[in-house]
Amino acid sequence: MTYEEFRRQVGKAGLTVKDFAELIKQTPNSITNHAADGEVPSHLAIIAALMGDMAEAGVDFRATLGRIEYAASKPRGGAMKGRFGGSRQGDLPLPK
């Protein structure tokens, strides 16, 4: 699905991309980064299309998502909250 079609589906559900990201427990940047590619991954496309169709049919998708227990995605990279540049990697003991 193109990013523009994704945004249309999210809008059909009455959401912004930020709202969508929060509902699926991801950071908004992880979603908007796909704009550069012009395509969204299939799992996001499916979720957005289902939300859009559910909203059009008058079905409350928020209640459905609220019944599912899942953990938020872990951020990738070495960043640590409150520390610029993340945590430093420890030195490896190398033989001399």
C-alpha atoms as a PDB file:
ATOM      1  CA  MET A   1       0.000   0.000   0.000  1.00  0.00           C
ATOM      2  CA  THR A   2       1.303   3.459  -0.784  1.00  0.00           C
ATOM      3  CA  TYR A   3       1.875   5.856   2.073  1.00  0.00           C
ATOM      4  CA  GLU A   4      -0.780   8.190   0.669  1.00  0.00           C
ATOM      5  CA  GLU A   5      -3.370   5.379   0.589  1.00  0.00           C
ATOM      6  CA  PHE A   6      -2.325   4.457   4.117  1.00  0.00           C
ATOM      7  CA  ARG A   7      -2.975   8.039   5.248  1.00  0.00           C
ATOM      8  CA  ARG A   8      -6.356   7.974   3.500  1.00  0.00           C
ATOM      9  CA  GLN A   9      -7.327   4.776   5.330  1.00  0.00           C
ATOM     10  CA  VAL A  10      -6.150   6.173   8.663  1.00  0.00           C
ATOM     11  CA  GLY A  11      -8.135   9.352   7.980  1.00  0.00           C
ATOM     12  CA  LYS A  12     -11.198   7.269   7.102  1.00  0.00           C
ATOM     13  CA  ALA A  13     -10.910   5.831  10.613  1.00  0.00           C
ATOM     14  CA  GLY A  14     -10.953   9.372  11.993  1.00  0.00           C
ATOM     15  CA  LEU A  15      -7.321   9.253  13.096  1.00  0.00           C
ATOM     16  CA  THR A  16      -4.114  11.101  12.473  1.00  0.00           C
ATOM     17  CA  VAL A  17      -0.931   9.138  11.843  1.00  0.00           C
ATOM     18  CA  LYS A  18       0.136  10.062  15.392  1.00  0.00           C
ATOM     19  CA  ASP A  19      -3.151   8.682  16.802  1.00  0.00           C
ATOM     20  CA  PHE A  20      -2.693   5.513  14.752  1.00  0.00           C
ATOM     21  CA  ALA A  21       0.856   5.036  16.075  1.00  0.00           C
ATOM     22  CA  GLU A  22      -0.282   5.485  19.669  1.00  0.00           C
ATOM     23  CA  LEU A  23      -3.132   2.996  19.221  1.00  0.00           C
ATOM     24  CA  ILE A  24      -0.758   0.297  18.024  1.00  0.00           C
ATOM     25  CA  LYS A  25       1.902   1.244  20.614  1.00  0.00           C
ATOM     26  CA  GLN A  26       4.551   2.490  18.213  1.00  0.00           C
ATOM     27  CA  THR A  27       6.297   5.824  17.962  1.00  0.00           C
ATOM     28  CA  PRO A  28       4.869   8.262  15.405  1.00  0.00           C
ATOM     29  CA  ASN A  29       8.319   8.568  13.790  1.00  0.00           C
ATOM     30  CA  SER A  30       8.442   4.827  13.137  1.00  0.00           C
ATOM     31  CA  ILE A  31       5.262   5.237  11.083  1.00  0.00           C
ATOM     32  CA  THR A  32       6.051   8.511   9.307  1.00  0.00           C
ATOM     33  CA  ASN A  33       9.506   7.240   8.287  1.00  0.00           C
ATOM     34  CA  HIS A  34       7.706   5.113   5.685  1.00  0.00           C
ATOM     35  CA  ALA A  35       6.697   8.288   3.816  1.00  0.00           C
ATOM     36  CA  ALA A  36      10.239   8.467   2.401  1.00  0.00           C
ATOM     37  CA  ASP A  37       9.825   4.981   0.910  1.00  0.00           C
ATOM     38  CA  GLY A  38       6.360   5.789  -0.396  1.00  0.00           C
ATOM     39  CA  GLU A  39       5.146   2.371   0.847  1.00  0.00           C
ATOM     40  CA  VAL A  40       4.085   0.998   4.210  1.00  0.00           C
ATOM     41  CA  PRO A  41       4.742  -2.554   5.410  1.00  0.00           C
ATOM     42  CA  SER A  42       1.886  -4.973   4.806  1.00  0.00           C
ATOM     43  CA  HIS A  43       1.047  -5.369   8.504  1.00  0.00           C
ATOM     44  CA  LEU A  44       0.464  -1.603   8.859  1.00  0.00           C
ATOM     45  CA  ALA A  45      -1.520  -1.526   5.614  1.00  0.00           C
ATOM     46  CA  ILE A  46      -3.802  -4.320   6.827  1.00  0.00           C
ATOM     47  CA  ILE A  47      -4.379  -2.646  10.193  1.00  0.00           C
ATOM     48  CA  ALA A  48      -5.148   0.727   8.586  1.00  0.00           C
ATOM     49  CA  ALA A  49      -7.525  -0.796   6.010  1.00  0.00           C
ATOM     50  CA  LEU A  50      -9.383  -2.748   8.689  1.00  0.00           C
ATOM     51  CA  MET A  51      -9.678   0.313  10.915  1.00  0.00           C
ATOM     52  CA  GLY A  52     -10.984   2.401   8.020  1.00  0.00           C
ATOM     53  CA  ASP A  53     -13.572  -0.199   7.020  1.00  0.00           C
ATOM     54  CA  MET A  54     -14.628  -0.789  10.631  1.00  0.00           C
ATOM     55  CA  ALA A  55     -15.145   2.944  11.172  1.00  0.00           C
ATOM     56  CA  GLU A  56     -17.202   3.193   7.968  1.00  0.00           C
ATOM     57  CA  ALA A  57     -19.367   0.294   9.165  1.00  0.00           C
ATOM     58  CA  GLY A  58     -19.859   1.937  12.555  1.00  0.00           C
ATOM     59  CA  VAL A  59     -17.792  -0.645  14.436  1.00  0.00           C
ATOM     60  CA  ASP A  60     -15.663   0.681  17.310  1.00  0.00           C
ATOM     61  CA  PHE A  61     -12.152  -0.549  16.508  1.00  0.00           C
ATOM     62  CA  ARG A  62     -10.796   1.091  19.663  1.00  0.00           C
ATOM     63  CA  ALA A  63     -12.809  -1.317  21.821  1.00  0.00           C
ATOM     64  CA  THR A  64     -11.447  -4.249  19.815  1.00  0.00           C
ATOM     65  CA  LEU A  65      -7.852  -3.048  20.227  1.00  0.00           C
ATOM     66  CA  GLY A  66      -8.471  -2.404  23.908  1.00  0.00           C
ATOM     67  CA  ARG A  67      -9.221  -6.089  24.484  1.00  0.00           C
ATOM     68  CA  ILE A  68      -5.822  -7.160  23.152  1.00  0.00           C
ATOM     69  CA  GLU A  69      -2.902  -7.240  25.574  1.00  0.00           C
ATOM     70  CA  TYR A  70       0.462  -6.678  23.929  1.00  0.00           C
ATOM     71  CA  ALA A  71       3.700  -4.905  24.723  1.00  0.00           C
ATOM     72  CA  ALA A  72       4.876  -1.824  22.882  1.00  0.00           C
ATOM     73  CA  SER A  73       7.636  -2.289  20.333  1.00  0.00           C
ATOM     74  CA  LYS A  74      11.100  -1.783  21.765  1.00  0.00           C
ATOM     75  CA  PRO A  75      13.066   1.062  20.195  1.00  0.00           C
ATOM     76  CA  ARG A  76      16.004  -0.008  18.081  1.00  0.00           C
ATOM     77  CA  GLY A  77      19.493   1.410  18.469  1.00  0.00           C
ATOM     78  CA  GLY A  78      21.520   2.424  21.478  1.00  0.00           C
ATOM     79  CA  ALA A  79      19.437   5.361  22.653  1.00  0.00           C
ATOM     80  CA  MET A  80      18.661   5.698  26.327  1.00  0.00           C
ATOM     81  CA  LYS A  81      16.024   8.036  27.705  1.00  0.00           C
ATOM     82  CA  GLY A  82      17.662  11.093  29.261  1.00  0.00           C
ATOM     83  CA  ARG A  83      21.118  10.427  27.862  1.00  0.00           C
ATOM     84  CA  PHE A  84      22.271  11.886  24.573  1.00  0.00           C
ATOM     85  CA  GLY A  85      23.880   9.236  22.395  1.00  0.00           C
ATOM     86  CA  GLY A  86      22.639   6.295  24.448  1.00  0.00           C
ATOM     87  CA  SER A  87      24.798   4.050  26.572  1.00  0.00           C
ATOM     88  CA  ARG A  88      28.394   3.541  25.714  1.00  0.00           C
ATOM     89  CA  GLN A  89      29.595   0.109  24.825  1.00  0.00           C
ATOM     90  CA  GLY A  90      32.032  -1.323  27.340  1.00  0.00           C
ATOM     91  CA  ASP A  91      35.659  -1.983  26.463  1.00  0.00           C
ATOM     92  CA  LEU A  92      36.532  -5.533  25.563  1.00  0.00           C
ATOM     93  CA  PRO A  93      39.491  -7.014  27.419  1.00  0.00           C
ATOM     94  CA  LEU A  94      41.962  -7.891  24.685  1.00  0.00           C
ATOM     95  CA  PRO A  95      45.159  -9.846  25.275  1.00  0.00           C
ATOM     96  CA  LYS A  96      48.394  -7.909  24.774  1.00  0.00           C
END
